[in-house]
Amino acid sequence: MNKPCDVSVDARGLDCPLPLLKAKQALNRMASGERLEVLATDAGSVRDFTVFSEQSGHALLLSEEQDGEYRYILEKS
């Protein structure tokens, strides 16, 4: 994953569905092919981002957890 993210959203400390809502708002302002990084602390966000990616067509390039912090990278379709 050599290409840097174009936009970053810090949703740490926010409960679901707010991390996904903030990601959707950011994606709406982005161009196709741009990448979005989302940082979150809500464990429920894992399922939210997986399902959202499948339903929206945006590619979920990364979904990782480290020490209770979640990081997602999506590429806008």
C-alpha atoms as a PDB file:
ATOM      1  CA  MET A   1       0.000   0.000   0.000  1.00  0.00           C
ATOM      2  CA  ASN A   2       2.365   2.648  -1.293  1.00  0.00           C
ATOM      3  CA  LYS A   3      -0.166   5.317  -2.179  1.00  0.00           C
ATOM      4  CA  PRO A   4      -0.788   7.724   0.713  1.00  0.00           C
ATOM      5  CA  CYS A   5      -4.274   8.550   1.928  1.00  0.00           C
ATOM      6  CA  ASP A   6      -5.832  11.707   0.555  1.00  0.00           C
ATOM      7  CA  VAL A   7      -8.116  12.339   3.544  1.00  0.00           C
ATOM      8  CA  SER A   8      -7.996  11.245   7.182  1.00  0.00           C
ATOM      9  CA  VAL A   9     -10.866  11.107   9.681  1.00  0.00           C
ATOM     10  CA  ASP A  10     -10.199  10.783  13.410  1.00  0.00           C
ATOM     11  CA  ALA A  11     -13.271   9.141  14.933  1.00  0.00           C
ATOM     12  CA  ARG A  12     -11.543   7.870  18.067  1.00  0.00           C
ATOM     13  CA  GLY A  13     -13.771   8.073  21.117  1.00  0.00           C
ATOM     14  CA  LEU A  14     -16.973   8.088  19.061  1.00  0.00           C
ATOM     15  CA  ASP A  15     -19.510   5.265  19.333  1.00  0.00           C
ATOM     16  CA  CYS A  16     -21.224   3.594  16.379  1.00  0.00           C
ATOM     17  CA  PRO A  17     -22.578   4.677  14.028  1.00  0.00           C
ATOM     18  CA  LEU A  18     -20.594   7.940  14.196  1.00  0.00           C
ATOM     19  CA  PRO A  19     -17.257   6.619  12.806  1.00  0.00           C
ATOM     20  CA  LEU A  20     -19.050   5.281   9.729  1.00  0.00           C
ATOM     21  CA  LEU A  21     -21.156   8.436   9.385  1.00  0.00           C
ATOM     22  CA  LYS A  22     -18.028  10.614   9.431  1.00  0.00           C
ATOM     23  CA  ALA A  23     -16.430   8.329   6.839  1.00  0.00           C
ATOM     24  CA  LYS A  24     -19.493   8.580   4.574  1.00  0.00           C
ATOM     25  CA  GLN A  25     -19.445  12.380   4.831  1.00  0.00           C
ATOM     26  CA  ALA A  26     -15.764  12.458   3.884  1.00  0.00           C
ATOM     27  CA  LEU A  27     -16.254  10.037   0.973  1.00  0.00           C
ATOM     28  CA  ASN A  28     -19.055  12.234  -0.395  1.00  0.00           C
ATOM     29  CA  ARG A  29     -16.536  15.075  -0.786  1.00  0.00           C
ATOM     30  CA  MET A  30     -13.857  12.903  -2.394  1.00  0.00           C
ATOM     31  CA  ALA A  31     -13.150  11.971  -6.013  1.00  0.00           C
ATOM     32  CA  SER A  32     -13.157   8.432  -7.347  1.00  0.00           C
ATOM     33  CA  GLY A  33      -9.854   6.669  -6.635  1.00  0.00           C
ATOM     34  CA  GLU A  34      -8.971   8.805  -3.627  1.00  0.00           C
ATOM     35  CA  ARG A  35      -8.174   7.052  -0.366  1.00  0.00           C
ATOM     36  CA  LEU A  36      -9.656   7.691   3.064  1.00  0.00           C
ATOM     37  CA  GLU A  37      -8.055   6.720   6.366  1.00  0.00           C
ATOM     38  CA  VAL A  38     -10.348   6.342   9.383  1.00  0.00           C
ATOM     39  CA  LEU A  39      -9.175   5.939  12.981  1.00  0.00           C
ATOM     40  CA  ALA A  40     -11.698   4.584  15.489  1.00  0.00           C
ATOM     41  CA  THR A  41     -11.881   3.008  18.938  1.00  0.00           C
ATOM     42  CA  ASP A  42     -15.325   1.397  18.720  1.00  0.00           C
ATOM     43  CA  ALA A  43     -15.070  -2.390  18.219  1.00  0.00           C
ATOM     44  CA  GLY A  44     -18.425  -2.341  16.414  1.00  0.00           C
ATOM     45  CA  SER A  45     -16.847  -0.324  13.632  1.00  0.00           C
ATOM     46  CA  VAL A  46     -15.165  -3.472  12.243  1.00  0.00           C
ATOM     47  CA  ARG A  47     -18.474  -4.945  11.138  1.00  0.00           C
ATOM     48  CA  ASP A  48     -19.826  -1.538  10.072  1.00  0.00           C
ATOM     49  CA  PHE A  49     -16.925  -0.833   7.701  1.00  0.00           C
ATOM     50  CA  THR A  50     -16.892  -4.371   6.286  1.00  0.00           C
ATOM     51  CA  VAL A  51     -20.616  -4.313   5.477  1.00  0.00           C
ATOM     52  CA  PHE A  52     -20.470  -0.719   4.210  1.00  0.00           C
ATOM     53  CA  SER A  53     -17.643  -1.593   1.825  1.00  0.00           C
ATOM     54  CA  GLU A  54     -19.545  -4.583   0.444  1.00  0.00           C
ATOM     55  CA  GLN A  55     -22.762  -2.600  -0.024  1.00  0.00           C
ATOM     56  CA  SER A  56     -21.294   0.663  -1.320  1.00  0.00           C
ATOM     57  CA  GLY A  57     -18.668  -0.683  -3.694  1.00  0.00           C
ATOM     58  CA  HIS A  58     -15.894   1.331  -2.045  1.00  0.00           C
ATOM     59  CA  ALA A  59     -12.830  -0.881  -1.566  1.00  0.00           C
ATOM     60  CA  LEU A  60     -11.799  -1.631   2.014  1.00  0.00           C
ATOM     61  CA  LEU A  61      -8.036  -1.823   1.503  1.00  0.00           C
ATOM     62  CA  LEU A  62      -7.084  -2.143   5.164  1.00  0.00           C
ATOM     63  CA  SER A  63      -8.820  -3.086   8.387  1.00  0.00           C
ATOM     64  CA  GLU A  64      -6.527  -3.491  11.362  1.00  0.00           C
ATOM     65  CA  GLU A  65      -6.626  -3.282  15.150  1.00  0.00           C
ATOM     66  CA  GLN A  66      -3.805  -2.478  17.525  1.00  0.00           C
ATOM     67  CA  ASP A  67      -4.211  -1.895  21.250  1.00  0.00           C
ATOM     68  CA  GLY A  68      -7.938  -1.181  20.950  1.00  0.00           C
ATOM     69  CA  GLU A  69      -7.514   1.275  18.103  1.00  0.00           C
ATOM     70  CA  TYR A  70      -8.895   0.486  14.661  1.00  0.00           C
ATOM     71  CA  ARG A  71      -7.569   1.776  11.359  1.00  0.00           C
ATOM     72  CA  TYR A  72      -9.382   1.526   8.052  1.00  0.00           C
ATOM     73  CA  ILE A  73      -8.366   2.593   4.580  1.00  0.00           C
ATOM     74  CA  LEU A  74     -11.046   2.855   1.923  1.00  0.00           C
ATOM     75  CA  GLU A  75     -10.697   3.734  -1.730  1.00  0.00           C
ATOM     76  CA  LYS A  76     -13.645   5.572  -3.216  1.00  0.00           C
ATOM     77  CA  SER A  77     -15.226   3.789  -6.165  1.00  0.00           C
END
